[in-house]
Amino acid sequence: MLLLAIRFLVELLGLAGLAYWGATTPAETVPRIALGIGAPLALAVLWGLVMAPKARNPLPLRVRGLLGTALLVLVAGAVAAAGQPGWGIAFAVVVVVDQALILALGLDDIATTMGAVLPEGRI
């Protein structure tokens, strides 16, 4: 469960990373504000529609996890491009290692994992 908690934290940090990238782009004030708010909002909407555990789409949970990991690695690249390469690399490493451990331990099926924690099967 710790790996899933780390994944959730990484997803939140991904939103913050996109906000940082948008707010530090070399543009005028209004476009920076729009990117600082719009980029994380767009990621949150996309995440809710496609990658969230309860999203209604035909993608298997494992594919959702891998797509989410790819998006978070792109966020790491955006953070690095915004002038924070160390933070971007560290973020990418945490994202990839966490996802690899989730897959290795079979925790990618969130509903099954939560069902094992809650004996009644309720989520």
PDB file of N, CA and C in Angstrom:
ATOM      1  N   MET A   1       0.821  -1.195   0.000  1.00  0.00           N
ATOM      2  CA  MET A   1       0.000   0.000   0.000  1.00  0.00           C
ATOM      3  C   MET A   1       0.861   1.254   0.000  1.00  0.00           C
ATOM      4  N   LEU A   2       2.068   1.149   0.564  1.00  0.00           N
ATOM      5  CA  LEU A   2       2.963   2.307   0.579  1.00  0.00           C
ATOM      6  C   LEU A   2       3.284   2.745  -0.839  1.00  0.00           C
ATOM      7  N   LEU A   3       3.484   1.802  -1.747  1.00  0.00           N
ATOM      8  CA  LEU A   3       3.796   2.143  -3.136  1.00  0.00           C
ATOM      9  C   LEU A   3       2.636   2.884  -3.801  1.00  0.00           C
ATOM     10  N   LEU A   4       1.416   2.493  -3.475  1.00  0.00           N
ATOM     11  CA  LEU A   4       0.256   3.181  -4.033  1.00  0.00           C
ATOM     12  C   LEU A   4       0.124   4.579  -3.453  1.00  0.00           C
ATOM     13  N   ALA A   5       0.461   4.747  -2.179  1.00  0.00           N
ATOM     14  CA  ALA A   5       0.448   6.077  -1.572  1.00  0.00           C
ATOM     15  C   ALA A   5       1.512   6.964  -2.208  1.00  0.00           C
ATOM     16  N   ILE A   6       2.676   6.384  -2.476  1.00  0.00           N
ATOM     17  CA  ILE A   6       3.736   7.144  -3.150  1.00  0.00           C
ATOM     18  C   ILE A   6       3.272   7.536  -4.543  1.00  0.00           C
ATOM     19  N   ARG A   7       2.601   6.629  -5.229  1.00  0.00           N
ATOM     20  CA  ARG A   7       2.097   6.938  -6.576  1.00  0.00           C
ATOM     21  C   ARG A   7       1.124   8.109  -6.528  1.00  0.00           C
ATOM     22  N   PHE A   8       0.237   8.110  -5.542  1.00  0.00           N
ATOM     23  CA  PHE A   8      -0.716   9.205  -5.415  1.00  0.00           C
ATOM     24  C   PHE A   8       0.016  10.523  -5.148  1.00  0.00           C
ATOM     25  N   LEU A   9       1.001  10.488  -4.286  1.00  0.00           N
ATOM     26  CA  LEU A   9       1.792  11.683  -3.996  1.00  0.00           C
ATOM     27  C   LEU A   9       2.520  12.159  -5.244  1.00  0.00           C
ATOM     28  N   VAL A  10       3.052  11.231  -6.020  1.00  0.00           N
ATOM     29  CA  VAL A  10       3.749  11.581  -7.258  1.00  0.00           C
ATOM     30  C   VAL A  10       2.782  12.222  -8.253  1.00  0.00           C
ATOM     31  N   GLU A  11       1.558  11.728  -8.307  1.00  0.00           N
ATOM     32  CA  GLU A  11       0.566  12.330  -9.193  1.00  0.00           C
ATOM     33  C   GLU A  11       0.273  13.778  -8.778  1.00  0.00           C
ATOM     34  N   LEU A  12       0.155  14.014  -7.487  1.00  0.00           N
ATOM     35  CA  LEU A  12      -0.060  15.386  -7.006  1.00  0.00           C
ATOM     36  C   LEU A  12       1.146  16.269  -7.302  1.00  0.00           C
ATOM     37  N   LEU A  13       2.342  15.723  -7.109  1.00  0.00           N
ATOM     38  CA  LEU A  13       3.549  16.475  -7.428  1.00  0.00           C
ATOM     39  C   LEU A  13       3.653  16.748  -8.927  1.00  0.00           C
ATOM     40  N   GLY A  14       3.112  15.865  -9.739  1.00  0.00           N
ATOM     41  CA  GLY A  14       3.081  16.098 -11.181  1.00  0.00           C
ATOM     42  C   GLY A  14       2.252  17.320 -11.529  1.00  0.00           C
ATOM     43  N   LEU A  15       1.145  17.494 -10.846  1.00  0.00           N
ATOM     44  CA  LEU A  15       0.331  18.695 -11.060  1.00  0.00           C
ATOM     45  C   LEU A  15       1.100  19.945 -10.648  1.00  0.00           C
ATOM     46  N   ALA A  16       1.789  19.858  -9.514  1.00  0.00           N
ATOM     47  CA  ALA A  16       2.589  20.992  -9.050  1.00  0.00           C
ATOM     48  C   ALA A  16       3.738  21.277 -10.018  1.00  0.00           C
ATOM     49  N   GLY A  17       4.350  20.228 -10.552  1.00  0.00           N
ATOM     50  CA  GLY A  17       5.435  20.396 -11.517  1.00  0.00           C
ATOM     51  C   GLY A  17       4.975  21.092 -12.784  1.00  0.00           C
ATOM     52  N   LEU A  18       3.797  20.729 -13.261  1.00  0.00           N
ATOM     53  CA  LEU A  18       3.262  21.405 -14.443  1.00  0.00           C
ATOM     54  C   LEU A  18       2.931  22.859 -14.146  1.00  0.00           C
ATOM     55  N   ALA A  19       2.420  23.115 -12.959  1.00  0.00           N
ATOM     56  CA  ALA A  19       2.143  24.502 -12.579  1.00  0.00           C
ATOM     57  C   ALA A  19       3.442  25.304 -12.543  1.00  0.00           C
ATOM     58  N   TYR A  20       4.503  24.719 -12.016  1.00  0.00           N
ATOM     59  CA  TYR A  20       5.799  25.392 -11.971  1.00  0.00           C
ATOM     60  C   TYR A  20       6.308  25.661 -13.386  1.00  0.00           C
ATOM     61  N   TRP A  21       6.222  24.649 -14.239  1.00  0.00           N
ATOM     62  CA  TRP A  21       6.663  24.817 -15.623  1.00  0.00           C
ATOM     63  C   TRP A  21       5.905  25.959 -16.289  1.00  0.00           C
ATOM     64  N   GLY A  22       4.585  25.959 -16.147  1.00  0.00           N
ATOM     65  CA  GLY A  22       3.774  27.001 -16.779  1.00  0.00           C
ATOM     66  C   GLY A  22       4.073  28.382 -16.237  1.00  0.00           C
ATOM     67  N   ALA A  23       4.280  28.463 -14.936  1.00  0.00           N
ATOM     68  CA  ALA A  23       4.516  29.765 -14.307  1.00  0.00           C
ATOM     69  C   ALA A  23       5.905  30.318 -14.594  1.00  0.00           C
ATOM     70  N   THR A  24       6.821  29.463 -15.019  1.00  0.00           N
ATOM     71  CA  THR A  24       8.187  29.936 -15.278  1.00  0.00           C
ATOM     72  C   THR A  24       8.529  29.998 -16.759  1.00  0.00           C
ATOM     73  N   THR A  25       7.536  29.816 -17.630  1.00  0.00           N
ATOM     74  CA  THR A  25       7.827  29.914 -19.055  1.00  0.00           C
ATOM     75  C   THR A  25       8.223  31.343 -19.400  1.00  0.00           C
ATOM     76  N   PRO A  26       9.130  31.492 -20.361  1.00  0.00           N
ATOM     77  CA  PRO A  26       9.560  32.842 -20.738  1.00  0.00           C
ATOM     78  C   PRO A  26       8.525  33.521 -21.631  1.00  0.00           C
ATOM     79  N   ALA A  27       7.454  33.939 -21.047  1.00  0.00           N
ATOM     80  CA  ALA A  27       6.374  34.602 -21.783  1.00  0.00           C
ATOM     81  C   ALA A  27       5.889  35.781 -20.949  1.00  0.00           C
ATOM     82  N   GLU A  28       4.941  36.480 -21.493  1.00  0.00           N
ATOM     83  CA  GLU A  28       4.328  37.588 -20.761  1.00  0.00           C
ATOM     84  C   GLU A  28       3.545  37.032 -19.565  1.00  0.00           C
ATOM     85  N   THR A  29       3.113  37.911 -18.716  1.00  0.00           N
ATOM     86  CA  THR A  29       2.451  37.513 -17.478  1.00  0.00           C
ATOM     87  C   THR A  29       1.181  36.712 -17.714  1.00  0.00           C
ATOM     88  N   VAL A  30       0.328  37.175 -18.607  1.00  0.00           N
ATOM     89  CA  VAL A  30      -0.954  36.499 -18.822  1.00  0.00           C
ATOM     90  C   VAL A  30      -0.761  35.074 -19.357  1.00  0.00           C
ATOM     91  N   PRO A  31       0.082  34.838 -20.376  1.00  0.00           N
ATOM     92  CA  PRO A  31       0.285  33.448 -20.810  1.00  0.00           C
ATOM     93  C   PRO A  31       0.903  32.571 -19.726  1.00  0.00           C
ATOM     94  N   ARG A  32       1.789  33.126 -18.921  1.00  0.00           N
ATOM     95  CA  ARG A  32       2.375  32.328 -17.832  1.00  0.00           C
ATOM     96  C   ARG A  32       1.311  31.924 -16.833  1.00  0.00           C
ATOM     97  N   ILE A  33       0.440  32.848 -16.495  1.00  0.00           N
ATOM     98  CA  ILE A  33      -0.645  32.519 -15.563  1.00  0.00           C
ATOM     99  C   ILE A  33      -1.558  31.463 -16.189  1.00  0.00           C
ATOM    100  N   ALA A  34      -1.873  31.638 -17.472  1.00  0.00           N
ATOM    101  CA  ALA A  34      -2.743  30.669 -18.155  1.00  0.00           C
ATOM    102  C   ALA A  34      -2.099  29.289 -18.191  1.00  0.00           C
ATOM    103  N   LEU A  35      -0.806  29.213 -18.478  1.00  0.00           N
ATOM    104  CA  LEU A  35      -0.119  27.919 -18.493  1.00  0.00           C
ATOM    105  C   LEU A  35       0.023  27.350 -17.089  1.00  0.00           C
ATOM    106  N   GLY A  36       0.293  28.215 -16.125  1.00  0.00           N
ATOM    107  CA  GLY A  36       0.457  27.760 -14.745  1.00  0.00           C
ATOM    108  C   GLY A  36      -0.810  27.163 -14.169  1.00  0.00           C
ATOM    109  N   ILE A  37      -1.940  27.637 -14.631  1.00  0.00           N
ATOM    110  CA  ILE A  37      -3.227  27.100 -14.166  1.00  0.00           C
ATOM    111  C   ILE A  37      -3.771  26.062 -15.147  1.00  0.00           C
ATOM    112  N   GLY A  38      -3.659  26.360 -16.437  1.00  0.00           N
ATOM    113  CA  GLY A  38      -4.265  25.513 -17.458  1.00  0.00           C
ATOM    114  C   GLY A  38      -3.590  24.162 -17.641  1.00  0.00           C
ATOM    115  N   ALA A  39      -2.264  24.114 -17.583  1.00  0.00           N
ATOM    116  CA  ALA A  39      -1.558  22.839 -17.802  1.00  0.00           C
ATOM    117  C   ALA A  39      -1.904  21.811 -16.730  1.00  0.00           C
ATOM    118  N   PRO A  40      -1.828  22.161 -15.433  1.00  0.00           N
ATOM    119  CA  PRO A  40      -2.217  21.150 -14.439  1.00  0.00           C
ATOM    120  C   PRO A  40      -3.706  20.813 -14.490  1.00  0.00           C
ATOM    121  N   LEU A  41      -4.521  21.779 -14.839  1.00  0.00           N
ATOM    122  CA  LEU A  41      -5.953  21.508 -14.948  1.00  0.00           C
ATOM    123  C   LEU A  41      -6.216  20.526 -16.092  1.00  0.00           C
ATOM    124  N   ALA A  42      -5.547  20.722 -17.221  1.00  0.00           N
ATOM    125  CA  ALA A  42      -5.709  19.807 -18.354  1.00  0.00           C
ATOM    126  C   ALA A  42      -5.238  18.395 -17.989  1.00  0.00           C
ATOM    127  N   LEU A  43      -4.112  18.308 -17.276  1.00  0.00           N
ATOM    128  CA  LEU A  43      -3.627  16.992 -16.853  1.00  0.00           C
ATOM    129  C   LEU A  43      -4.620  16.333 -15.897  1.00  0.00           C
ATOM    130  N   ALA A  44      -5.182  17.102 -14.974  1.00  0.00           N
ATOM    131  CA  ALA A  44      -6.139  16.540 -14.020  1.00  0.00           C
ATOM    132  C   ALA A  44      -7.388  16.023 -14.728  1.00  0.00           C
ATOM    133  N   VAL A  45      -7.873  16.761 -15.713  1.00  0.00           N
ATOM    134  CA  VAL A  45      -9.057  16.321 -16.460  1.00  0.00           C
ATOM    135  C   VAL A  45      -8.736  15.064 -17.266  1.00  0.00           C
ATOM    136  N   LEU A  46      -7.595  15.074 -17.965  1.00  0.00           N
ATOM    137  CA  LEU A  46      -7.186  13.897 -18.728  1.00  0.00           C
ATOM    138  C   LEU A  46      -7.024  12.689 -17.820  1.00  0.00           C
ATOM    139  N   TRP A  47      -6.407  12.894 -16.661  1.00  0.00           N
ATOM    140  CA  TRP A  47      -6.196  11.809 -15.706  1.00  0.00           C
ATOM    141  C   TRP A  47      -7.542  11.238 -15.243  1.00  0.00           C
ATOM    142  N   GLY A  48      -8.467  12.129 -14.926  1.00  0.00           N
ATOM    143  CA  GLY A  48      -9.777  11.681 -14.460  1.00  0.00           C
ATOM    144  C   GLY A  48     -10.558  10.915 -15.513  1.00  0.00           C
ATOM    145  N   LEU A  49     -10.394  11.319 -16.774  1.00  0.00           N
ATOM    146  CA  LEU A  49     -11.130  10.655 -17.849  1.00  0.00           C
ATOM    147  C   LEU A  49     -10.509   9.340 -18.294  1.00  0.00           C
ATOM    148  N   VAL A  50      -9.191   9.228 -18.206  1.00  0.00           N
ATOM    149  CA  VAL A  50      -8.524   8.068 -18.798  1.00  0.00           C
ATOM    150  C   VAL A  50      -7.786   7.200 -17.787  1.00  0.00           C
ATOM    151  N   MET A  51      -7.055   7.809 -16.853  1.00  0.00           N
ATOM    152  CA  MET A  51      -6.144   7.020 -16.033  1.00  0.00           C
ATOM    153  C   MET A  51      -6.602   6.754 -14.598  1.00  0.00           C
ATOM    154  N   ALA A  52      -7.578   7.437 -14.121  1.00  0.00           N
ATOM    155  CA  ALA A  52      -8.023   7.225 -12.743  1.00  0.00           C
ATOM    156  C   ALA A  52      -8.523   5.793 -12.569  1.00  0.00           C
ATOM    157  N   PRO A  53      -8.355   5.220 -11.371  1.00  0.00           N
ATOM    158  CA  PRO A  53      -8.789   3.834 -11.150  1.00  0.00           C
ATOM    159  C   PRO A  53     -10.262   3.590 -11.477  1.00  0.00           C
ATOM    160  N   LYS A  54     -11.106   4.582 -11.298  1.00  0.00           N
ATOM    161  CA  LYS A  54     -12.529   4.396 -11.577  1.00  0.00           C
ATOM    162  C   LYS A  54     -12.957   5.039 -12.900  1.00  0.00           C
ATOM    163  N   ALA A  55     -11.996   5.382 -13.755  1.00  0.00           N
ATOM    164  CA  ALA A  55     -12.334   5.969 -15.051  1.00  0.00           C
ATOM    165  C   ALA A  55     -13.076   4.943 -15.894  1.00  0.00           C
ATOM    166  N   ARG A  56     -14.034   5.427 -16.629  1.00  0.00           N
ATOM    167  CA  ARG A  56     -14.825   4.519 -17.473  1.00  0.00           C
ATOM    168  C   ARG A  56     -14.262   4.546 -18.883  1.00  0.00           C
ATOM    169  N   ASN A  57     -13.347   3.657 -19.137  1.00  0.00           N
ATOM    170  CA  ASN A  57     -12.786   3.501 -20.461  1.00  0.00           C
ATOM    171  C   ASN A  57     -12.344   2.051 -20.616  1.00  0.00           C
ATOM    172  N   PRO A  58     -12.096   1.633 -21.856  1.00  0.00           N
ATOM    173  CA  PRO A  58     -11.781   0.217 -22.082  1.00  0.00           C
ATOM    174  C   PRO A  58     -10.334  -0.174 -21.792  1.00  0.00           C
ATOM    175  N   LEU A  59      -9.514   0.744 -21.328  1.00  0.00           N
ATOM    176  CA  LEU A  59      -8.108   0.417 -21.101  1.00  0.00           C
ATOM    177  C   LEU A  59      -7.935  -0.412 -19.835  1.00  0.00           C
ATOM    178  N   PRO A  60      -7.140  -1.476 -19.918  1.00  0.00           N
ATOM    179  CA  PRO A  60      -6.844  -2.256 -18.706  1.00  0.00           C
ATOM    180  C   PRO A  60      -6.062  -1.412 -17.701  1.00  0.00           C
ATOM    181  N   LEU A  61      -6.157  -1.771 -16.442  1.00  0.00           N
ATOM    182  CA  LEU A  61      -5.477  -1.001 -15.394  1.00  0.00           C
ATOM    183  C   LEU A  61      -3.970  -0.933 -15.622  1.00  0.00           C
ATOM    184  N   ARG A  62      -3.370  -2.002 -16.092  1.00  0.00           N
ATOM    185  CA  ARG A  62      -1.918  -1.996 -16.333  1.00  0.00           C
ATOM    186  C   ARG A  62      -1.545  -0.963 -17.399  1.00  0.00           C
ATOM    187  N   VAL A  63      -2.349  -0.859 -18.451  1.00  0.00           N
ATOM    188  CA  VAL A  63      -2.093   0.120 -19.516  1.00  0.00           C
ATOM    189  C   VAL A  63      -2.281   1.532 -18.970  1.00  0.00           C
ATOM    190  N   ARG A  64      -3.314   1.728 -18.161  1.00  0.00           N
ATOM    191  CA  ARG A  64      -3.531   3.046 -17.540  1.00  0.00           C
ATOM    192  C   ARG A  64      -2.321   3.454 -16.708  1.00  0.00           C
ATOM    193  N   GLY A  65      -1.786   2.503 -15.944  1.00  0.00           N
ATOM    194  CA  GLY A  65      -0.621   2.801 -15.121  1.00  0.00           C
ATOM    195  C   GLY A  65       0.591   3.183 -15.947  1.00  0.00           C
ATOM    196  N   LEU A  66       0.788   2.476 -17.041  1.00  0.00           N
ATOM    197  CA  LEU A  66       1.934   2.773 -17.904  1.00  0.00           C
ATOM    198  C   LEU A  66       1.762   4.104 -18.626  1.00  0.00           C
ATOM    199  N   LEU A  67       0.549   4.407 -19.073  1.00  0.00           N
ATOM    200  CA  LEU A  67       0.298   5.714 -19.688  1.00  0.00           C
ATOM    201  C   LEU A  67       0.477   6.838 -18.667  1.00  0.00           C
ATOM    202  N   GLY A  68       0.006   6.611 -17.460  1.00  0.00           N
ATOM    203  CA  GLY A  68       0.186   7.601 -16.402  1.00  0.00           C
ATOM    204  C   GLY A  68       1.655   7.832 -16.093  1.00  0.00           C
ATOM    205  N   THR A  69       2.420   6.755 -16.097  1.00  0.00           N
ATOM    206  CA  THR A  69       3.855   6.868 -15.867  1.00  0.00           C
ATOM    207  C   THR A  69       4.508   7.671 -16.984  1.00  0.00           C
ATOM    208  N   ALA A  70       4.105   7.414 -18.221  1.00  0.00           N
ATOM    209  CA  ALA A  70       4.663   8.165 -19.347  1.00  0.00           C
ATOM    210  C   ALA A  70       4.341   9.655 -19.219  1.00  0.00           C
ATOM    211  N   LEU A  71       3.117   9.975 -18.844  1.00  0.00           N
ATOM    212  CA  LEU A  71       2.755  11.386 -18.658  1.00  0.00           C
ATOM    213  C   LEU A  71       3.568  12.031 -17.539  1.00  0.00           C
ATOM    214  N   LEU A  72       3.776  11.306 -16.450  1.00  0.00           N
ATOM    215  CA  LEU A  72       4.539  11.860 -15.340  1.00  0.00           C
ATOM    216  C   LEU A  72       6.016  12.034 -15.702  1.00  0.00           C
ATOM    217  N   VAL A  73       6.538  11.167 -16.550  1.00  0.00           N
ATOM    218  CA  VAL A  73       7.916  11.344 -17.020  1.00  0.00           C
ATOM    219  C   VAL A  73       7.998  12.578 -17.921  1.00  0.00           C
ATOM    220  N   LEU A  74       6.959  12.825 -18.710  1.00  0.00           N
ATOM    221  CA  LEU A  74       6.920  14.067 -19.496  1.00  0.00           C
ATOM    222  C   LEU A  74       6.887  15.291 -18.589  1.00  0.00           C
ATOM    223  N   VAL A  75       6.164  15.204 -17.496  1.00  0.00           N
ATOM    224  CA  VAL A  75       6.149  16.297 -16.525  1.00  0.00           C
ATOM    225  C   VAL A  75       7.549  16.506 -15.961  1.00  0.00           C
ATOM    226  N   ALA A  76       8.252  15.418 -15.684  1.00  0.00           N
ATOM    227  CA  ALA A  76       9.630  15.524 -15.193  1.00  0.00           C
ATOM    228  C   ALA A  76      10.493  16.263 -16.210  1.00  0.00           C
ATOM    229  N   GLY A  77      10.283  15.975 -17.489  1.00  0.00           N
ATOM    230  CA  GLY A  77      11.002  16.687 -18.540  1.00  0.00           C
ATOM    231  C   GLY A  77      10.656  18.160 -18.563  1.00  0.00           C
ATOM    232  N   ALA A  78       9.402  18.489 -18.318  1.00  0.00           N
ATOM    233  CA  ALA A  78       8.985  19.893 -18.275  1.00  0.00           C
ATOM    234  C   ALA A  78       9.643  20.620 -17.104  1.00  0.00           C
ATOM    235  N   VAL A  79       9.724  19.947 -15.962  1.00  0.00           N
ATOM    236  CA  VAL A  79      10.381  20.541 -14.792  1.00  0.00           C
ATOM    237  C   VAL A  79      11.861  20.770 -15.092  1.00  0.00           C
ATOM    238  N   ALA A  80      12.487  19.805 -15.731  1.00  0.00           N
ATOM    239  CA  ALA A  80      13.899  19.958 -16.101  1.00  0.00           C
ATOM    240  C   ALA A  80      14.073  21.104 -17.091  1.00  0.00           C
ATOM    241  N   ALA A  81      13.172  21.205 -18.059  1.00  0.00           N
ATOM    242  CA  ALA A  81      13.247  22.278 -19.050  1.00  0.00           C
ATOM    243  C   ALA A  81      12.990  23.650 -18.430  1.00  0.00           C
ATOM    244  N   ALA A  82      12.286  23.665 -17.309  1.00  0.00           N
ATOM    245  CA  ALA A  82      11.986  24.928 -16.627  1.00  0.00           C
ATOM    246  C   ALA A  82      13.154  25.395 -15.776  1.00  0.00           C
ATOM    247  N   GLY A  83      14.282  24.714 -15.878  1.00  0.00           N
ATOM    248  CA  GLY A  83      15.460  25.166 -15.156  1.00  0.00           C
ATOM    249  C   GLY A  83      15.775  24.389 -13.897  1.00  0.00           C
ATOM    250  N   GLN A  84      15.100  23.274 -13.674  1.00  0.00           N
ATOM    251  CA  GLN A  84      15.333  22.444 -12.490  1.00  0.00           C
ATOM    252  C   GLN A  84      15.666  21.016 -12.924  1.00  0.00           C
ATOM    253  N   PRO A  85      16.806  20.818 -13.605  1.00  0.00           N
ATOM    254  CA  PRO A  85      17.110  19.475 -14.110  1.00  0.00           C
ATOM    255  C   PRO A  85      17.280  18.434 -13.009  1.00  0.00           C
ATOM    256  N   GLY A  86      17.850  18.816 -11.879  1.00  0.00           N
ATOM    257  CA  GLY A  86      18.015  17.862 -10.778  1.00  0.00           C
ATOM    258  C   GLY A  86      16.680  17.363 -10.256  1.00  0.00           C
ATOM    259  N   TRP A  87      15.754  18.295 -10.047  1.00  0.00           N
ATOM    260  CA  TRP A  87      14.420  17.912  -9.577  1.00  0.00           C
ATOM    261  C   TRP A  87      13.682  17.086 -10.626  1.00  0.00           C
ATOM    262  N   GLY A  88      13.863  17.445 -11.899  1.00  0.00           N
ATOM    263  CA  GLY A  88      13.213  16.692 -12.963  1.00  0.00           C
ATOM    264  C   GLY A  88      13.708  15.258 -13.035  1.00  0.00           C
ATOM    265  N   ILE A  89      15.026  15.087 -12.938  1.00  0.00           N
ATOM    266  CA  ILE A  89      15.602  13.731 -12.977  1.00  0.00           C
ATOM    267  C   ILE A  89      15.158  12.932 -11.756  1.00  0.00           C
ATOM    268  N   ALA A  90      15.205  13.556 -10.584  1.00  0.00           N
ATOM    269  CA  ALA A  90      14.790  12.863  -9.357  1.00  0.00           C
ATOM    270  C   ALA A  90      13.322  12.445  -9.440  1.00  0.00           C
ATOM    271  N   PHE A  91      12.488  13.330  -9.955  1.00  0.00           N
ATOM    272  CA  PHE A  91      11.063  13.026 -10.092  1.00  0.00           C
ATOM    273  C   PHE A  91      10.865  11.854 -11.049  1.00  0.00           C
ATOM    274  N   ALA A  92      11.565  11.881 -12.183  1.00  0.00           N
ATOM    275  CA  ALA A  92      11.441  10.787 -13.157  1.00  0.00           C
ATOM    276  C   ALA A  92      11.883   9.458 -12.553  1.00  0.00           C
ATOM    277  N   VAL A  93      12.956   9.475 -11.795  1.00  0.00           N
ATOM    278  CA  VAL A  93      13.444   8.239 -11.169  1.00  0.00           C
ATOM    279  C   VAL A  93      12.411   7.688 -10.187  1.00  0.00           C
ATOM    280  N   VAL A  94      11.846   8.549  -9.359  1.00  0.00           N
ATOM    281  CA  VAL A  94      10.836   8.103  -8.391  1.00  0.00           C
ATOM    282  C   VAL A  94       9.614   7.535  -9.119  1.00  0.00           C
ATOM    283  N   VAL A  95       9.180   8.201 -10.167  1.00  0.00           N
ATOM    284  CA  VAL A  95       8.014   7.734 -10.934  1.00  0.00           C
ATOM    285  C   VAL A  95       8.273   6.348 -11.515  1.00  0.00           C
ATOM    286  N   VAL A  96       9.412   6.183 -12.175  1.00  0.00           N
ATOM    287  CA  VAL A  96       9.701   4.917 -12.856  1.00  0.00           C
ATOM    288  C   VAL A  96       9.929   3.788 -11.849  1.00  0.00           C
ATOM    289  N   VAL A  97      10.677   4.047 -10.793  1.00  0.00           N
ATOM    290  CA  VAL A  97      10.945   3.001  -9.792  1.00  0.00           C
ATOM    291  C   VAL A  97       9.645   2.593  -9.090  1.00  0.00           C
ATOM    292  N   ASP A  98       8.827   3.570  -8.736  1.00  0.00           N
ATOM    293  CA  ASP A  98       7.558   3.255  -8.074  1.00  0.00           C
ATOM    294  C   ASP A  98       6.669   2.412  -8.984  1.00  0.00           C
ATOM    295  N   GLN A  99       6.562   2.800 -10.252  1.00  0.00           N
ATOM    296  CA  GLN A  99       5.731   2.026 -11.181  1.00  0.00           C
ATOM    297  C   GLN A  99       6.293   0.624 -11.379  1.00  0.00           C
ATOM    298  N   ALA A 100       7.610   0.502 -11.474  1.00  0.00           N
ATOM    299  CA  ALA A 100       8.219  -0.826 -11.640  1.00  0.00           C
ATOM    300  C   ALA A 100       7.923  -1.715 -10.440  1.00  0.00           C
ATOM    301  N   LEU A 101       7.996  -1.160  -9.244  1.00  0.00           N
ATOM    302  CA  LEU A 101       7.694  -1.948  -8.051  1.00  0.00           C
ATOM    303  C   LEU A 101       6.218  -2.299  -7.971  1.00  0.00           C
ATOM    304  N   ILE A 102       5.357  -1.379  -8.366  1.00  0.00           N
ATOM    305  CA  ILE A 102       3.920  -1.665  -8.379  1.00  0.00           C
ATOM    306  C   ILE A 102       3.637  -2.835  -9.323  1.00  0.00           C
ATOM    307  N   LEU A 103       4.254  -2.819 -10.496  1.00  0.00           N
ATOM    308  CA  LEU A 103       4.046  -3.914 -11.448  1.00  0.00           C
ATOM    309  C   LEU A 103       4.667  -5.207 -10.942  1.00  0.00           C
ATOM    310  N   ALA A 104       5.861  -5.130 -10.376  1.00  0.00           N
ATOM    311  CA  ALA A 104       6.552  -6.333  -9.897  1.00  0.00           C
ATOM    312  C   ALA A 104       5.791  -7.006  -8.761  1.00  0.00           C
ATOM    313  N   LEU A 105       5.150  -6.218  -7.931  1.00  0.00           N
ATOM    314  CA  LEU A 105       4.415  -6.777  -6.794  1.00  0.00           C
ATOM    315  C   LEU A 105       2.944  -7.033  -7.111  1.00  0.00           C
ATOM    316  N   GLY A 106       2.529  -6.728  -8.326  1.00  0.00           N
ATOM    317  CA  GLY A 106       1.148  -6.978  -8.725  1.00  0.00           C
ATOM    318  C   GLY A 106       0.143  -6.042  -8.087  1.00  0.00           C
ATOM    319  N   LEU A 107       0.567  -4.835  -7.752  1.00  0.00           N
ATOM    320  CA  LEU A 107      -0.339  -3.879  -7.117  1.00  0.00           C
ATOM    321  C   LEU A 107      -1.038  -2.984  -8.128  1.00  0.00           C
ATOM    322  N   ASP A 108      -0.893  -3.272  -9.415  1.00  0.00           N
ATOM    323  CA  ASP A 108      -1.500  -2.416 -10.423  1.00  0.00           C
ATOM    324  C   ASP A 108      -3.012  -2.584 -10.490  1.00  0.00           C
ATOM    325  N   ASP A 109      -3.528  -3.649  -9.969  1.00  0.00           N
ATOM    326  CA  ASP A 109      -4.975  -3.828  -9.915  1.00  0.00           C
ATOM    327  C   ASP A 109      -5.470  -3.229  -8.604  1.00  0.00           C
ATOM    328  N   ILE A 110      -5.784  -1.953  -8.638  1.00  0.00           N
ATOM    329  CA  ILE A 110      -6.152  -1.209  -7.432  1.00  0.00           C
ATOM    330  C   ILE A 110      -7.356  -1.840  -6.739  1.00  0.00           C
ATOM    331  N   ALA A 111      -8.357  -2.229  -7.506  1.00  0.00           N
ATOM    332  CA  ALA A 111      -9.569  -2.774  -6.891  1.00  0.00           C
ATOM    333  C   ALA A 111      -9.268  -4.062  -6.129  1.00  0.00           C
ATOM    334  N   THR A 112      -8.420  -4.915  -6.691  1.00  0.00           N
ATOM    335  CA  THR A 112      -8.053  -6.156  -6.009  1.00  0.00           C
ATOM    336  C   THR A 112      -7.273  -5.857  -4.742  1.00  0.00           C
ATOM    337  N   THR A 113      -6.352  -4.908  -4.837  1.00  0.00           N
ATOM    338  CA  THR A 113      -5.566  -4.525  -3.676  1.00  0.00           C
ATOM    339  C   THR A 113      -6.467  -3.989  -2.578  1.00  0.00           C
ATOM    340  N   MET A 114      -7.383  -3.105  -2.922  1.00  0.00           N
ATOM    341  CA  MET A 114      -8.281  -2.546  -1.906  1.00  0.00           C
ATOM    342  C   MET A 114      -9.216  -3.614  -1.362  1.00  0.00           C
ATOM    343  N   GLY A 115      -9.641  -4.566  -2.192  1.00  0.00           N
ATOM    344  CA  GLY A 115     -10.485  -5.652  -1.723  1.00  0.00           C
ATOM    345  C   GLY A 115      -9.771  -6.527  -0.714  1.00  0.00           C
ATOM    346  N   ALA A 116      -8.447  -6.669  -0.861  1.00  0.00           N
ATOM    347  CA  ALA A 116      -7.679  -7.464   0.086  1.00  0.00           C
ATOM    348  C   ALA A 116      -7.572  -6.739   1.425  1.00  0.00           C
ATOM    349  N   VAL A 117      -7.571  -5.419   1.390  1.00  0.00           N
ATOM    350  CA  VAL A 117      -7.465  -4.630   2.620  1.00  0.00           C
ATOM    351  C   VAL A 117      -8.819  -4.559   3.308  1.00  0.00           C
ATOM    352  N   LEU A 118      -9.871  -4.401   2.539  1.00  0.00           N
ATOM    353  CA  LEU A 118     -11.210  -4.328   3.089  1.00  0.00           C
ATOM    354  C   LEU A 118     -11.919  -5.644   2.850  1.00  0.00           C
ATOM    355  N   PRO A 119     -12.019  -6.502   3.860  1.00  0.00           N
ATOM    356  CA  PRO A 119     -12.576  -7.855   3.664  1.00  0.00           C
ATOM    357  C   PRO A 119     -13.982  -7.876   3.090  1.00  0.00           C
ATOM    358  N   GLU A 120     -14.739  -6.821   3.321  1.00  0.00           N
ATOM    359  CA  GLU A 120     -16.104  -6.815   2.800  1.00  0.00           C
ATOM    360  C   GLU A 120     -16.129  -6.632   1.298  1.00  0.00           C
ATOM    361  N   GLY A 121     -14.974  -6.258   0.709  1.00  0.00           N
ATOM    362  CA  GLY A 121     -14.919  -6.040  -0.717  1.00  0.00           C
ATOM    363  C   GLY A 121     -15.356  -4.662  -1.132  1.00  0.00           C
ATOM    364  N   ARG A 122     -15.675  -3.807  -0.149  1.00  0.00           N
ATOM    365  CA  ARG A 122     -16.123  -2.452  -0.480  1.00  0.00           C
ATOM    366  C   ARG A 122     -14.902  -1.557  -0.681  1.00  0.00           C
ATOM    367  N   ILE A 123     -15.047  -0.640  -1.618  1.00  0.00           N
ATOM    368  CA  ILE A 123     -13.969   0.327  -1.871  1.00  0.00           C
ATOM    369  C   ILE A 123     -14.448   1.699  -1.470  1.00  0.00           C
TER     370      ILE A 123
END
